Protein backbone atom coordinates (compact mmCIF):
# COMPACT_ATOMS: atom_id res chain seq x y z
CA MET A 1 -44.53 59.24 -27.03
CA ASP A 2 -44.86 58.12 -23.41
CA LYS A 3 -41.11 57.55 -23.42
CA TYR A 4 -40.67 61.31 -23.86
CA SER A 5 -43.48 62.43 -21.56
CA ILE A 6 -42.71 64.90 -18.82
CA ALA A 7 -43.35 62.23 -16.20
CA ASN A 8 -40.78 59.89 -17.78
CA THR A 9 -37.99 62.39 -18.43
CA THR A 10 -35.83 64.81 -16.50
CA LYS A 11 -35.43 68.42 -17.49
CA ALA A 12 -31.88 67.62 -18.66
CA GLU A 13 -33.18 64.81 -20.88
CA ARG A 14 -35.83 67.12 -22.37
CA GLU A 15 -33.19 69.80 -22.99
CA LYS A 16 -31.06 67.28 -24.89
CA LEU A 17 -34.03 65.97 -26.86
CA VAL A 18 -35.00 69.50 -27.92
CA ALA A 19 -31.38 70.44 -28.73
CA ASP A 20 -31.03 67.34 -30.93
CA ALA A 21 -34.32 68.10 -32.70
CA VAL A 22 -33.32 71.72 -33.31
CA ALA A 23 -29.93 70.61 -34.67
CA MET A 24 -31.62 68.21 -37.11
CA ASN A 25 -34.00 70.97 -38.13
CA LEU A 26 -31.07 73.21 -39.03
CA LEU A 27 -29.89 70.68 -41.61
CA GLY A 28 -32.60 71.55 -44.06
CA ALA A 29 -35.44 73.59 -42.73
CA GLU A 30 -36.11 77.20 -41.89
CA LEU A 31 -34.97 78.53 -38.55
CA LEU A 32 -37.46 78.11 -35.75
CA THR A 33 -39.54 81.14 -34.95
CA LYS A 34 -39.24 82.81 -31.58
CA GLU A 35 -42.76 81.58 -30.80
CA ASN A 36 -41.88 77.95 -31.65
CA ARG A 37 -38.68 78.14 -29.58
CA SER A 38 -40.81 79.41 -26.70
CA LEU A 39 -43.18 76.45 -27.10
CA LEU A 40 -40.24 74.04 -27.06
CA GLN A 41 -38.99 75.67 -23.87
CA ARG A 42 -42.39 75.03 -22.28
CA TYR A 43 -41.81 71.29 -22.93
CA VAL A 44 -38.31 71.50 -21.45
CA ASP A 45 -39.72 73.27 -18.39
CA GLY A 46 -42.34 70.56 -17.95
CA GLU A 47 -45.29 72.81 -18.77
CA MET A 48 -46.48 71.22 -22.03
CA GLU A 49 -46.41 67.63 -23.29
CA LEU A 50 -45.07 66.88 -26.77
CA ASP A 51 -48.51 65.90 -28.10
CA GLU A 52 -49.92 69.25 -27.04
CA LEU A 53 -46.87 71.05 -28.42
CA ARG A 54 -47.20 69.32 -31.80
CA LYS A 55 -50.92 70.06 -32.00
CA THR A 56 -50.37 73.72 -31.09
CA ILE A 57 -47.75 74.18 -33.81
CA ILE A 58 -49.77 72.35 -36.46
CA ASP A 59 -52.91 74.33 -35.61
CA LYS A 60 -50.93 77.58 -35.83
CA TYR A 61 -49.79 76.82 -39.38
CA LYS A 62 -53.21 75.57 -40.49
CA LYS A 63 -54.60 79.03 -39.67
CA HIS A 64 -52.14 80.77 -42.03
């Protein structure tokens, strides 16, 4: 995951990574919620690392 850390990527690279992941998601999964899209944007903006993002989303669904 260090390869995709905020310190090792530019905002443009993070935008492309997220866009690619969202496109793959559209092939067979439900649409992302507004909340999850907002979390992804925090990664793009350099506010949240992927590990933290993943944990936040998993914890959210464990509570349901």
